[in-house]
């Protein structure tokens, strides 16, 4: 699956509860370097939808948030944003973050991370993708 193709993301997301999105920009060298590592993580988590969202090409998905640094990672379970924040461009760090937010915590105990960047409580990128 092309993690940048909104149609493919939409189809994949319709069948999965978890969304792992990298919010980046095409002009960002760090993002471009990180892309292959992000895409490789997808194979370790077939039960999750991975999306590469270019904040300029897909601005309608991220207009509600202020993305200041890259890469910014979003982890969302169903309609709840669990994590939204800048991370180091390191696949190992993202892997640990995904595990700590998803697989080690029973679903009913999932809570929004205190590390989140400011984002409106009603912002729901999953809903925006599915409505695209």
Protein backbone atom coordinates (compact mmCIF):
# COMPACT_ATOMS: atom_id res chain seq x y z
CA UNK A 1 0.00 0.00 0.00
CA UNK A 2 1.16 3.52 -0.78
CA UNK A 3 0.98 5.28 2.59
CA UNK A 4 0.63 8.63 0.79
CA UNK A 5 -2.35 7.73 -1.41
CA UNK A 6 -5.47 9.06 0.35
CA UNK A 7 -7.74 6.58 -1.47
CA UNK A 8 -5.61 3.64 -0.30
CA UNK A 9 -5.40 5.08 3.22
CA UNK A 10 -9.17 5.54 3.31
CA UNK A 11 -9.78 1.93 2.24
CA UNK A 12 -7.26 0.58 4.76
CA UNK A 13 -8.55 2.80 7.58
CA UNK A 14 -12.14 1.66 7.09
CA UNK A 15 -11.11 -1.78 8.41
CA UNK A 16 -8.75 -0.77 11.22
CA UNK A 17 -9.14 0.91 14.61
CA UNK A 18 -5.64 2.39 14.79
CA UNK A 19 -4.21 5.19 12.65
CA UNK A 20 -0.49 5.95 12.75
CA UNK A 21 0.21 9.06 10.69
CA UNK A 22 3.38 10.97 9.98
CA UNK A 23 2.63 14.64 9.32
CA UNK A 24 5.44 15.99 7.17
CA UNK A 25 6.30 18.15 4.18
CA UNK A 26 7.79 17.19 0.83
CA UNK A 27 10.49 19.86 1.15
CA UNK A 28 11.69 18.52 4.53
CA UNK A 29 14.93 16.57 4.10
CA UNK A 30 14.50 14.94 7.52
CA UNK A 31 11.05 13.70 6.52
CA UNK A 32 12.32 12.35 3.22
CA UNK A 33 15.09 10.48 5.05
CA UNK A 34 12.59 9.10 7.58
CA UNK A 35 10.02 7.95 5.02
CA UNK A 36 11.43 4.48 4.30
CA UNK A 37 11.78 3.68 8.03
CA UNK A 38 8.19 4.78 8.64
CA UNK A 39 6.93 2.64 5.77
CA UNK A 40 8.91 -0.38 7.03
CA UNK A 41 7.17 -0.18 10.41
CA UNK A 42 3.88 -0.78 8.64
CA UNK A 43 4.86 -4.42 8.03
CA UNK A 44 5.31 -4.91 11.80
CA UNK A 45 1.80 -3.62 12.50
CA UNK A 46 -0.57 -5.06 9.88
CA UNK A 47 -3.54 -4.34 12.19
CA UNK A 48 -2.89 -0.58 11.98
CA UNK A 49 -3.33 1.91 9.18
CA UNK A 50 -0.17 3.89 8.39
CA UNK A 51 -0.49 7.22 6.59
CA UNK A 52 2.07 9.70 5.31
CA UNK A 53 0.29 13.06 5.30
CA UNK A 54 1.94 15.98 3.52
CA UNK A 55 0.75 19.04 5.45
CA UNK A 56 0.72 21.14 2.29
CA UNK A 57 -0.76 18.67 -0.21
CA UNK A 58 -3.33 17.45 2.34
CA UNK A 59 -3.76 20.72 4.24
CA UNK A 60 -7.50 20.16 4.72
CA UNK A 61 -6.65 17.24 7.04
CA UNK A 62 -4.37 19.24 9.35
CA UNK A 63 -5.65 22.83 9.17
CA UNK A 64 -6.93 22.58 12.76
CA UNK A 65 -3.45 21.93 14.19
CA UNK A 66 -0.24 23.90 14.15
CA UNK A 67 2.56 21.67 12.87
CA UNK A 68 5.81 23.43 13.72
CA UNK A 69 8.40 20.63 13.65
CA UNK A 70 8.98 17.45 11.69
CA UNK A 71 8.35 14.63 11.83
CA UNK A 72 5.12 15.00 13.79
CA UNK A 73 3.45 11.71 14.62
CA UNK A 74 -0.26 11.18 15.23
CA UNK A 75 -1.55 8.02 16.90
CA UNK A 76 -5.33 7.75 16.91
CA UNK A 77 -7.56 4.94 18.17
CA UNK A 78 -10.97 5.08 16.53
CA UNK A 79 -12.07 8.70 17.14
CA UNK A 80 -9.62 9.47 19.95
CA UNK A 81 -6.27 11.15 19.36
CA UNK A 82 -3.89 9.31 21.67
CA UNK A 83 -0.66 11.06 20.71
CA UNK A 84 0.26 14.07 18.60
CA UNK A 85 3.81 15.27 18.82
CA UNK A 86 7.23 15.70 17.28
CA UNK A 87 9.51 12.69 17.53
CA UNK A 88 13.07 11.98 16.51
CA UNK A 89 13.26 10.49 13.00
CA UNK A 90 14.09 7.08 14.44
CA UNK A 91 12.01 4.01 13.59
CA UNK A 92 13.02 2.35 16.87
CA UNK A 93 11.62 5.25 18.87
CA UNK A 94 8.37 5.20 16.91
CA UNK A 95 8.13 1.43 17.36
CA UNK A 96 8.43 1.84 21.15
CA UNK A 97 5.89 4.65 21.11
CA UNK A 98 3.40 2.58 19.12
CA UNK A 99 3.82 -0.37 21.47
CA UNK A 100 3.44 1.78 24.56
CA UNK A 101 0.29 3.42 23.22
CA UNK A 102 -1.39 0.42 21.63
CA UNK A 103 -0.31 -3.10 22.48
CA UNK A 104 0.67 -2.77 26.12
CA UNK A 105 -2.49 -0.96 27.17
CA UNK A 106 -5.94 -2.52 27.15
CA UNK A 107 -8.18 -0.56 24.76
CA UNK A 108 -10.55 0.55 27.51
CA UNK A 109 -7.62 2.16 29.36
CA UNK A 110 -6.19 4.13 26.44
CA UNK A 111 -5.76 7.76 27.46
CA UNK A 112 -4.62 10.80 25.57
CA UNK A 113 -0.92 11.41 26.08
CA UNK A 114 0.09 14.41 28.17
CA UNK A 115 2.83 15.01 25.58
CA UNK A 116 0.39 16.07 22.87
CA UNK A 117 0.80 19.27 20.97
CA UNK A 118 -2.14 21.59 21.14
CA UNK A 119 -4.99 20.30 19.03
CA UNK A 120 -8.70 20.93 19.25
CA UNK A 121 -10.51 18.23 21.21
CA UNK A 122 -12.93 17.71 18.33
CA UNK A 123 -10.22 17.37 15.66
CA UNK A 124 -10.51 13.92 14.11
CA UNK A 125 -8.15 13.24 11.21
CA UNK A 126 -9.60 9.72 10.83
CA UNK A 127 -13.04 11.21 10.16
CA UNK A 128 -11.54 13.74 7.74
CA UNK A 129 -9.75 10.99 5.79
CA UNK A 130 -12.84 8.80 5.62
CA UNK A 131 -14.88 11.77 4.40
CA UNK A 132 -12.34 12.55 1.62
